[in-house]
Protein backbone atom coordinates (compact mmCIF):
# COMPACT_ATOMS: atom_id res chain seq x y z
CA MET A 1 4.63 -0.08 -16.69
CA GLU A 2 4.19 3.46 -18.00
CA LEU A 3 4.57 6.68 -15.99
CA GLN A 4 0.88 6.94 -15.30
CA ASP A 5 0.88 3.35 -14.08
CA TYR A 6 3.52 4.27 -11.52
CA TRP A 7 1.52 7.26 -10.43
CA ARG A 8 -1.63 5.18 -10.01
CA THR A 9 0.39 2.61 -8.07
CA VAL A 10 1.68 5.27 -5.69
CA ARG A 11 -1.78 6.73 -5.25
CA ARG A 12 -3.28 3.31 -4.55
CA ARG A 13 -0.50 2.28 -2.11
CA TRP A 14 0.20 5.66 -0.56
CA ARG A 15 0.06 4.16 2.90
CA LEU A 16 3.03 1.93 2.10
CA VAL A 17 5.05 4.90 0.59
CA LEU A 18 4.24 7.09 3.62
CA GLY A 19 5.04 4.31 6.03
CA SER A 20 8.44 3.71 4.33
CA VAL A 21 9.29 7.43 4.61
CA LEU A 22 8.30 7.63 8.26
CA VAL A 23 10.23 4.45 9.21
CA VAL A 24 13.42 5.60 7.48
CA LEU A 25 13.07 9.07 8.99
CA ALA A 26 12.63 7.53 12.43
CA VAL A 27 15.74 5.39 12.01
CA ALA A 28 17.72 8.30 10.79
CA ALA A 29 16.52 10.51 13.71
CA VAL A 30 17.39 7.88 16.31
CA TRP A 31 20.83 7.33 14.77
CA THR A 32 21.44 11.06 14.46
CA TRP A 33 20.64 11.84 18.02
CA SER A 34 22.38 8.81 19.46
CA VAL A 35 25.72 9.29 17.70
CA THR A 36 28.44 11.05 19.62
CA PRO A 37 29.08 14.52 18.16
CA THR A 38 32.40 14.94 16.33
CA TYR A 39 34.29 18.25 16.20
CA ALA A 40 36.85 19.31 13.61
CA SER A 41 39.79 21.73 13.70
CA THR A 42 41.76 22.87 10.69
CA THR A 43 45.24 24.46 10.21
CA ARG A 44 46.87 25.81 7.08
CA ILE A 45 50.51 25.60 5.97
CA PHE A 46 52.11 27.72 3.31
CA VAL A 47 54.86 26.03 1.28
CA SER A 48 57.56 28.22 -0.29
CA THR A 49 61.07 28.10 -1.76
CA SER A 50 64.12 30.34 -1.10
CA GLN A 51 64.56 31.74 -4.69
CA THR A 52 64.62 35.54 -4.92
CA ASP A 53 64.85 36.57 -8.59
CA GLU A 54 61.74 36.53 -10.84
CA ASN A 55 62.59 33.58 -12.96
CA SER A 56 63.79 31.49 -10.03
CA ALA A 57 60.61 32.48 -8.08
CA TYR A 58 58.34 31.19 -10.87
CA THR A 59 60.24 27.91 -11.05
CA GLY A 60 60.32 27.63 -7.31
CA ASN A 61 56.48 28.21 -7.13
CA LEU A 62 55.95 25.28 -9.55
CA PHE A 63 58.25 23.13 -7.44
CA ALA A 64 56.45 24.11 -4.24
CA THR A 65 53.04 23.32 -5.81
CA GLN A 66 54.26 19.83 -6.68
CA ARG A 67 55.71 19.39 -3.16
CA VAL A 68 52.35 20.19 -1.46
CA ALA A 69 50.82 16.94 -2.74
CA SER A 70 53.79 15.02 -1.25
CA TYR A 71 53.39 16.76 2.11
CA ALA A 72 49.74 15.84 2.16
CA ASP A 73 50.85 12.19 1.97
CA LEU A 74 53.37 12.79 4.77
CA VAL A 75 50.54 13.81 7.13
CA THR A 76 49.16 10.24 7.16
CA SER A 77 52.60 8.59 7.54
CA ASN A 78 53.63 6.54 10.49
CA GLN A 79 56.64 8.70 11.25
CA LEU A 80 54.64 11.92 11.62
CA ALA A 81 51.92 10.12 13.63
CA GLU A 82 54.58 8.83 16.08
CA ARG A 83 56.05 12.34 16.48
CA VAL A 84 52.64 13.86 17.23
CA ALA A 85 51.85 11.00 19.62
CA ASP A 86 55.11 11.74 21.55
CA ASP A 87 54.35 15.44 21.48
CA LEU A 88 50.80 15.03 22.89
CA GLY A 89 51.60 12.20 25.25
CA ASP A 90 49.41 9.14 26.13
CA THR A 91 48.12 8.87 22.54
CA ASP A 92 48.27 5.91 20.12
CA ALA A 93 49.87 6.79 16.74
CA MET A 94 47.46 4.49 14.81
CA ASP A 95 44.47 6.21 16.28
CA LEU A 96 45.86 9.57 15.32
CA ARG A 97 46.21 8.51 11.64
CA GLU A 98 42.51 7.75 11.50
CA GLN A 99 41.59 11.18 12.96
CA VAL A 100 43.68 13.31 10.58
CA THR A 101 43.27 14.18 6.90
CA ALA A 102 45.31 16.53 4.69
CA SER A 103 44.53 18.08 1.31
CA ALA A 104 46.25 20.48 -1.03
CA VAL A 105 44.25 23.51 -2.02
CA PRO A 106 44.01 23.32 -5.81
CA GLU A 107 46.29 25.65 -7.83
CA THR A 108 47.90 26.98 -4.64
CA VAL A 109 50.80 26.19 -2.37
CA LEU A 110 48.57 25.83 0.68
CA LEU A 111 48.07 22.60 2.62
CA GLU A 112 45.08 22.05 4.90
CA ILE A 113 45.30 19.67 7.90
CA GLN A 114 42.05 18.66 9.56
CA ALA A 115 41.78 16.72 12.79
CA THR A 116 38.51 15.32 14.24
CA ASP A 117 37.66 14.19 17.73
CA ALA A 118 34.73 13.91 20.10
CA ASP A 119 36.39 16.68 22.17
CA ALA A 120 36.61 20.00 20.45
CA GLU A 121 39.77 21.06 22.38
CA ARG A 122 41.51 17.75 21.65
CA ALA A 123 40.76 18.16 17.98
CA ARG A 124 42.42 21.54 18.08
CA ASP A 125 45.49 20.17 19.88
CA ILE A 126 45.92 17.33 17.33
CA ALA A 127 45.64 19.63 14.33
CA GLN A 128 48.07 22.16 15.88
CA ALA A 129 50.58 19.37 16.81
CA TYR A 130 50.45 17.89 13.29
CA ALA A 131 51.14 21.29 11.71
CA GLU A 132 54.06 21.96 13.96
CA GLN A 133 55.59 18.57 13.51
CA LEU A 134 55.08 18.73 9.74
CA GLN A 135 57.01 21.97 9.68
CA LEU A 136 60.02 20.29 11.42
CA LEU A 137 59.80 17.16 9.27
CA VAL A 138 59.77 19.27 6.07
CA GLU A 139 62.75 21.19 7.21
CA GLU A 140 64.68 17.98 7.87
CA LEU A 141 63.72 16.43 4.53
CA GLU A 142 64.29 19.53 2.42
CA THR A 143 67.69 20.49 3.82
CA PRO A 144 70.50 19.19 1.47
CA ARG A 145 73.36 17.23 3.07
CA GLY A 146 76.06 19.49 4.25
CA GLU A 147 73.72 22.56 4.13
CA THR A 148 71.93 24.44 6.98
CA THR A 149 69.10 26.01 5.01
CA ALA A 150 66.13 24.04 3.68
CA VAL A 151 65.26 24.48 -0.04
CA VAL A 152 61.53 24.37 0.77
CA LYS A 153 59.95 25.89 3.83
CA ALA A 154 56.60 25.06 5.40
CA THR A 155 55.07 27.99 7.30
CA LEU A 156 52.04 27.70 9.63
CA ILE A 157 49.73 30.55 8.66
CA ASP A 158 46.49 29.50 10.43
CA ASP A 159 46.58 28.14 13.93
CA ALA A 160 43.98 25.51 14.89
CA GLN A 161 40.93 26.77 16.70
CA VAL A 162 38.30 25.20 19.00
CA ALA A 163 35.19 24.44 17.00
CA ARG A 164 31.88 25.54 18.53
CA THR A 165 29.59 23.26 16.50
CA PRO A 166 30.16 19.59 15.61
CA VAL A 167 30.72 18.57 11.99
CA ALA A 168 28.83 15.35 12.53
CA PRO A 169 26.14 14.35 12.78
CA GLN A 170 24.20 16.89 10.72
CA PRO A 171 20.53 16.47 11.60
CA LEU A 172 18.97 18.43 8.69
CA ARG A 173 21.16 16.76 6.06
CA ASN A 174 20.61 13.37 7.56
CA LEU A 175 16.78 13.78 7.75
CA ALA A 176 16.63 15.18 4.15
CA LEU A 177 18.57 12.28 2.84
CA ALA A 178 16.50 9.87 4.92
CA GLY A 179 13.30 11.40 3.49
CA ILE A 180 14.57 10.92 -0.10
CA LEU A 181 15.77 7.41 0.61
CA GLY A 182 12.44 6.52 2.30
CA LEU A 183 10.47 7.89 -0.62
CA LEU A 184 12.53 5.90 -3.13
CA LEU A 185 12.18 2.79 -0.97
CA GLY A 186 8.43 3.30 -0.54
CA VAL A 187 7.90 3.75 -4.30
CA GLY A 188 10.08 0.71 -4.96
CA LEU A 189 8.14 -1.45 -2.47
CA ALA A 190 4.77 -0.17 -3.89
CA VAL A 191 5.77 -1.04 -7.46
CA ALA A 192 7.15 -4.43 -6.44
CA ARG A 193 4.02 -5.26 -4.46
CA GLU A 194 1.87 -4.11 -7.39
CA LEU A 195 3.78 -6.40 -9.78
CA LEU A 196 3.53 -9.32 -7.33
CA ASP A 197 -0.09 -8.63 -6.48
CA THR A 198 -2.41 -10.85 -8.46
CA SER A 199 -5.62 -9.82 -6.77
CA VAL A 200 -8.62 -8.52 -8.72
CA LYS A 201 -8.96 -4.75 -8.48
CA THR A 202 -10.12 -3.33 -11.78
CA ALA A 203 -12.53 -4.13 -14.58
CA ASP A 204 -9.44 -4.82 -16.85
CA ASP A 205 -8.33 -7.56 -14.46
CA ILE A 206 -11.79 -9.20 -14.83
CA ALA A 207 -11.82 -8.72 -18.60
CA GLU A 208 -8.62 -10.59 -18.96
CA ILE A 209 -10.23 -13.63 -17.30
CA THR A 210 -13.79 -13.65 -18.58
CA SER A 211 -15.98 -11.87 -21.17
CA ALA A 212 -18.80 -11.71 -18.63
CA PRO A 213 -19.64 -8.19 -17.70
CA VAL A 214 -19.09 -6.40 -14.40
CA LEU A 215 -22.68 -5.99 -13.15
CA GLY A 216 -21.92 -3.77 -10.15
CA ASN A 217 -19.44 -2.41 -7.67
CA ILE A 218 -20.46 -2.66 -3.98
CA PHE A 219 -18.44 -0.08 -2.17
CA GLN A 220 -17.11 -0.41 1.38
CA ASP A 221 -19.73 1.01 3.69
CA THR A 222 -20.64 0.76 7.39
CA ASP A 223 -24.24 0.35 6.29
CA ALA A 224 -23.33 -3.21 5.25
CA LYS A 225 -23.62 -4.25 8.90
CA ARG A 226 -27.16 -3.01 9.16
CA ALA A 227 -30.28 -5.06 8.33
CA PRO A 228 -31.22 -4.87 4.64
CA SER A 229 -34.81 -3.87 5.65
CA GLU A 230 -33.28 -0.70 7.32
CA VAL A 231 -30.65 0.47 4.91
CA LEU A 232 -31.99 -0.45 1.49
CA PHE A 233 -35.05 1.76 1.93
CA THR A 234 -32.98 4.78 2.74
CA ALA A 235 -30.93 7.14 0.60
CA THR A 236 -27.38 5.80 1.04
CA PRO A 237 -24.49 4.97 -1.28
CA TRP A 238 -24.81 1.38 -0.22
CA ALA A 239 -28.50 1.22 -1.25
CA GLU A 240 -27.69 3.02 -4.51
CA ALA A 241 -24.97 0.46 -5.40
CA PHE A 242 -27.55 -2.30 -5.22
CA ARG A 243 -30.05 -0.31 -7.25
CA VAL A 244 -27.35 -0.04 -9.95
CA LEU A 245 -26.90 -3.82 -9.66
CA ARG A 246 -30.63 -4.34 -9.99
CA THR A 247 -30.63 -2.29 -13.17
CA SER A 248 -27.81 -4.28 -14.62
CA MET A 249 -29.58 -7.56 -13.75
CA GLN A 250 -32.49 -6.47 -16.02
CA TYR A 251 -30.23 -6.95 -19.06
CA VAL A 252 -29.17 -10.42 -17.99
CA ASP A 253 -30.91 -13.27 -19.91
CA ILE A 254 -33.61 -10.89 -21.26
CA ASP A 255 -35.27 -13.73 -23.20
CA ASN A 256 -36.60 -15.25 -19.91
CA ALA A 257 -39.36 -13.50 -18.01
CA GLN A 258 -38.82 -15.76 -14.98
CA LYS A 259 -35.15 -15.92 -13.95
CA VAL A 260 -33.33 -18.31 -11.67
CA ILE A 261 -29.97 -16.90 -10.73
CA VAL A 262 -27.17 -18.49 -8.67
CA ILE A 263 -25.08 -16.11 -6.53
CA THR A 264 -21.72 -17.61 -5.71
CA SER A 265 -18.07 -16.72 -5.26
CA SER A 266 -14.66 -18.22 -5.50
CA LEU A 267 -14.00 -18.73 -1.79
CA PRO A 268 -15.90 -18.13 1.47
CA GLY A 269 -15.94 -14.66 2.93
CA GLU A 270 -16.20 -12.70 -0.31
CA GLY A 271 -19.75 -11.44 0.38
CA LYS A 272 -21.91 -13.72 -1.77
CA SER A 273 -24.63 -14.16 0.88
CA THR A 274 -24.75 -10.44 1.66
CA THR A 275 -24.99 -9.68 -2.06
CA ALA A 276 -27.72 -12.29 -2.56
CA VAL A 277 -29.84 -10.97 0.34
CA ASN A 278 -29.51 -7.24 -0.56
CA LEU A 279 -30.07 -7.85 -4.30
CA ALA A 280 -33.22 -9.84 -3.53
CA VAL A 281 -34.61 -7.07 -1.25
CA THR A 282 -33.75 -4.43 -3.88
CA LEU A 283 -35.57 -6.35 -6.62
CA THR A 284 -38.72 -6.39 -4.52
CA GLN A 285 -38.59 -2.58 -4.40
CA ALA A 286 -39.08 -2.55 -8.17
CA GLY A 287 -42.33 -4.48 -7.78
CA GLN A 288 -40.97 -7.85 -8.72
CA LYS A 289 -42.02 -11.03 -6.97
CA VAL A 290 -38.78 -12.50 -5.61
CA ALA A 291 -37.81 -15.66 -3.76
CA LEU A 292 -34.49 -16.02 -1.96
CA VAL A 293 -33.53 -19.65 -1.52
CA GLU A 294 -30.56 -20.64 0.63
CA CYS A 295 -28.68 -23.43 -1.10
CA ASP A 296 -25.53 -23.22 0.89
CA LEU A 297 -26.34 -26.36 2.88
CA ARG A 298 -22.93 -26.46 4.51
CA ARG A 299 -22.51 -23.05 6.14
CA PRO A 300 -25.92 -21.38 6.14
CA LEU A 301 -26.06 -17.67 7.18
CA ILE A 302 -29.32 -16.23 5.97
CA ALA A 303 -31.54 -17.26 8.93
CA ASP A 304 -29.27 -15.58 11.44
CA ARG A 305 -28.64 -12.57 9.24
CA LEU A 306 -32.36 -11.90 8.59
CA GLU A 307 -33.50 -13.10 12.03
CA LEU A 308 -35.77 -15.79 10.64
CA ASP A 309 -36.72 -19.20 11.94
CA GLY A 310 -34.08 -21.71 10.75
CA ALA A 311 -35.79 -24.95 11.85
CA ILE A 312 -37.19 -25.85 8.46
CA GLY A 313 -36.20 -24.78 5.01
CA THR A 314 -34.60 -26.06 1.82
CA THR A 315 -33.51 -29.39 3.22
CA SER A 316 -37.02 -30.04 4.58
CA VAL A 317 -38.46 -29.48 1.04
CA LEU A 318 -35.88 -31.64 -0.69
CA ILE A 319 -36.53 -34.63 1.57
CA GLY A 320 -40.24 -34.27 1.06
CA LYS A 321 -41.38 -33.33 4.56
CA VAL A 322 -43.03 -30.05 3.59
CA SER A 323 -43.90 -28.01 0.45
CA ALA A 324 -42.02 -25.04 -0.75
CA GLN A 325 -44.96 -22.76 0.05
CA ASP A 326 -45.04 -23.96 3.62
CA VAL A 327 -41.41 -23.05 4.44
CA MET A 328 -41.41 -19.57 2.76
CA GLN A 329 -41.03 -16.76 5.27
CA GLN A 330 -41.72 -13.18 4.53
CA TYR A 331 -38.74 -10.97 5.46
CA ALA A 332 -39.64 -7.94 7.65
CA ASP A 333 -41.91 -5.44 5.97
CA THR A 334 -40.79 -6.45 2.49
CA SER A 335 -42.49 -8.69 -0.13
CA LEU A 336 -39.47 -10.97 -0.24
CA ASP A 337 -40.11 -14.62 0.34
CA VAL A 338 -37.12 -16.41 1.94
CA MET A 339 -36.45 -20.13 2.10
CA VAL A 340 -33.70 -20.68 4.68
CA CYS A 341 -31.47 -23.74 4.73
CA GLY A 342 -33.19 -25.66 7.57
CA GLN A 343 -31.29 -28.53 9.20
CA ILE A 344 -27.78 -29.06 7.85
CA PRO A 345 -27.73 -32.38 6.00
CA PRO A 346 -24.87 -34.88 5.86
CA ASN A 347 -25.00 -35.11 2.03
CA PRO A 348 -25.47 -31.56 0.61
CA SER A 349 -24.22 -32.37 -2.89
CA GLU A 350 -26.61 -35.32 -3.28
CA LEU A 351 -29.59 -33.19 -2.27
CA LEU A 352 -28.69 -30.39 -4.67
CA GLN A 353 -28.30 -32.78 -7.54
CA SER A 354 -31.53 -34.66 -6.81
CA GLN A 355 -34.73 -34.71 -8.83
CA ALA A 356 -36.38 -32.98 -5.91
CA MET A 357 -34.20 -29.95 -6.37
CA GLU A 358 -35.05 -29.78 -10.10
CA MET A 359 -38.75 -30.00 -9.21
CA LEU A 360 -38.35 -27.22 -6.59
CA LEU A 361 -36.72 -24.91 -9.08
CA LEU A 362 -39.43 -25.55 -11.68
CA ASP A 363 -42.15 -24.73 -9.03
CA LEU A 364 -40.39 -21.54 -7.95
CA ARG A 365 -39.82 -20.41 -11.58
CA GLN A 366 -43.58 -20.56 -12.23
CA ARG A 367 -44.58 -18.63 -9.12
CA TYR A 368 -41.84 -15.93 -8.97
CA ASP A 369 -40.39 -13.35 -11.32
CA VAL A 370 -36.86 -13.88 -9.96
CA VAL A 371 -35.47 -16.68 -7.84
CA ILE A 372 -32.07 -15.92 -6.12
CA LEU A 373 -30.10 -19.03 -5.08
CA ASP A 374 -27.48 -18.34 -2.45
CA ALA A 375 -24.98 -21.10 -3.37
CA PRO A 376 -21.71 -22.30 -1.78
CA PRO A 377 -18.32 -21.05 -3.15
CA LEU A 378 -17.11 -22.69 -6.39
CA LEU A 379 -13.60 -23.71 -5.43
CA PRO A 380 -14.14 -25.73 -2.24
CA VAL A 381 -17.19 -27.74 -3.56
CA THR A 382 -18.95 -28.27 -6.84
CA ASP A 383 -22.50 -27.44 -5.47
CA ALA A 384 -22.74 -24.00 -7.10
CA ALA A 385 -21.54 -25.25 -10.53
CA LEU A 386 -24.19 -27.93 -10.44
CA LEU A 387 -26.95 -25.54 -9.41
CA ALA A 388 -25.90 -23.20 -12.24
CA THR A 389 -26.61 -25.89 -14.81
CA ARG A 390 -30.27 -25.93 -13.67
CA ALA A 391 -30.51 -22.21 -13.36
CA ASP A 392 -30.25 -19.48 -15.97
CA GLY A 393 -26.68 -18.88 -14.92
CA ALA A 394 -24.42 -17.71 -12.07
CA VAL A 395 -23.29 -14.33 -10.83
CA VAL A 396 -19.80 -14.53 -9.28
CA VAL A 397 -18.97 -12.18 -6.37
CA VAL A 398 -15.29 -11.22 -6.04
CA SER A 399 -13.77 -9.30 -3.15
CA HIS A 400 -11.74 -6.32 -4.31
CA GLY A 401 -8.11 -6.68 -3.60
CA ARG A 402 -8.60 -10.14 -2.03
CA THR A 403 -9.78 -12.54 -4.68
CA THR A 404 -6.82 -13.42 -6.92
CA ARG A 405 -6.89 -13.69 -10.70
CA ASP A 406 -6.13 -17.45 -10.51
CA GLN A 407 -9.05 -18.01 -8.08
CA LEU A 408 -11.47 -16.12 -10.26
CA SER A 409 -10.21 -17.88 -13.38
CA THR A 410 -10.57 -21.30 -11.80
CA ALA A 411 -14.02 -20.43 -10.58
CA ILE A 412 -15.05 -19.39 -14.12
CA GLU A 413 -13.57 -22.63 -15.49
CA ARG A 414 -15.62 -24.64 -12.98
CA LEU A 415 -18.76 -23.10 -14.41
CA GLY A 416 -17.64 -23.60 -18.00
CA SER A 417 -16.70 -27.20 -17.38
CA VAL A 418 -20.36 -28.08 -16.76
CA ASP A 419 -21.65 -25.78 -19.54
CA ALA A 420 -23.06 -23.35 -16.99
CA THR A 421 -23.47 -19.73 -17.96
CA THR A 422 -21.57 -16.95 -16.16
CA LEU A 423 -23.96 -13.99 -16.18
CA GLY A 424 -21.58 -11.51 -14.75
CA VAL A 425 -19.29 -10.48 -11.90
CA VAL A 426 -20.04 -8.31 -8.91
CA VAL A 427 -17.07 -6.58 -7.25
CA ASN A 428 -17.59 -6.46 -3.47
CA GLN A 429 -15.68 -4.24 -0.95
CA ALA A 430 -14.58 -1.85 -3.71
CA PRO A 431 -12.99 1.37 -2.34
CA ALA A 432 -15.43 4.24 -2.42
CA LYS A 433 -14.78 7.09 -4.78
CA LYS A 434 -15.14 10.60 -3.33
CA SER A 435 -16.39 12.04 -6.54
CA ALA A 436 -19.15 9.38 -6.75
CA SER A 437 -20.33 9.83 -3.26
CA GLY A 438 -20.21 13.55 -3.57
CA TYR A 439 -22.36 13.51 -6.69
CA GLY A 440 -24.70 11.11 -5.00
CA TYR A 441 -25.30 13.22 -1.89
CA GLY A 442 -25.55 16.37 -3.85
CA TYR A 443 -27.91 15.07 -6.50
CA GLY A 444 -29.37 11.66 -5.91
CA TYR A 445 -29.54 11.30 -2.15
CA ALA A 446 -30.92 14.70 -1.03
CA PRO A 447 -34.14 15.48 -3.02
CA LEU A 448 -36.06 18.59 -2.18
CA GLU A 449 -39.39 18.32 -0.42
CA ASP A 450 -41.99 20.12 -2.52
CA GLU A 451 -44.14 22.95 -1.25
CA ALA A 452 -44.44 22.19 2.45
CA VAL A 453 -47.44 23.99 3.91
CA THR A 454 -46.64 26.53 6.63
CA ALA A 455 -48.69 27.16 9.73
CA GLY A 456 -50.28 30.26 8.18
CA GLY A 457 -51.50 28.42 5.14
CA GLY A 458 -48.78 29.68 2.83
CA LYS A 459 -46.34 27.55 0.87
CA ARG A 460 -42.64 27.30 1.06
CA ARG A 461 -39.93 25.06 -0.24
CA ARG A 462 -37.58 23.27 2.05
CA ARG A 463 -34.74 20.80 1.83
């Protein structure tokens, strides 16, 4: 992946990134405010030698500097911890060792001792006791045998003080680090999910699977739940998406004046029936004579969706009870003729492969400009592939971010295995683009009304 790919991934999955940041911040906040505050107190000890002349003082300073590092190790020794425990009383020496640290100030003869505790006053007492006991221990260790004066002296120069603010936890630092960690975690999860996600989302994904063109992108819109007779005759992005699809369909199989087109998908729930219905209604708006035939004889939806009588339909024609003309129903105020499923048969595949089905399609091709066949999905059953061999081809509907590349590839292979033509792909539930809808509402969806006559007889323009 290139840098721009990472950026697109973060933009596409910004909710995951934001969620990761918020979760890590929440955990850090809970931990920060639930941890017992810890206070620290520090003392300083100056290490010196007893030399008085200039040369001896310089040598003694080097010696003292080297000694400071040794004294820092003494602070964490068992012997000094036991002395401090005896001095403070009712204190465990092992616990004291974990509460105290010592460090030599670089290029100096200063030694810093820091003690931490949940009680600020106790932290001060521990640091002060360590400094005092270290003084005595240094004096004992640095006094030569038979002498009364120590070669090196440790002098307490800064007494321990009671801290007013705790050293831990540090809310601002913790939250800042949590924010950075959450951001890195979120980006990592987004990239990992992108790499593991095999769903179809872009035209490039489809191009890798099939050479068939992308005929249209049907954006997510609340208008999808409304009746086609209501929404497709209004100026909405949803209606415009189907007009674009209608325009693309004009370039499909241009050698045939009468077209029979199968609308199918890989799996159920990808929007094939909705696409078939709305495309059929949109084609009638262009003055074409259109028939919509429900060939999904297993899970029919069109009768309920369009509020039509579902008693007789495709199955009635195929078994010879009625003619095609008798079962055609006009949808609402449109010129669309609809043949619903009718009674669900026990043998859908046999009916769709029958001679009666072939004769039905020949009859419809002669009487209509376009015949739209709403077929079952390709992967569960073979009905759609068999229908596509008798039609001019199939349009495959994929659900953006849901249909996987393997599913689409297998569906295309099903059509190819029976020498059926894949006319194109329609991407359903595509995320709406703000720029596109903004252009549409500003230009395509809000035309001016010309020269409305005023009450006084004059003319004015209005929006």
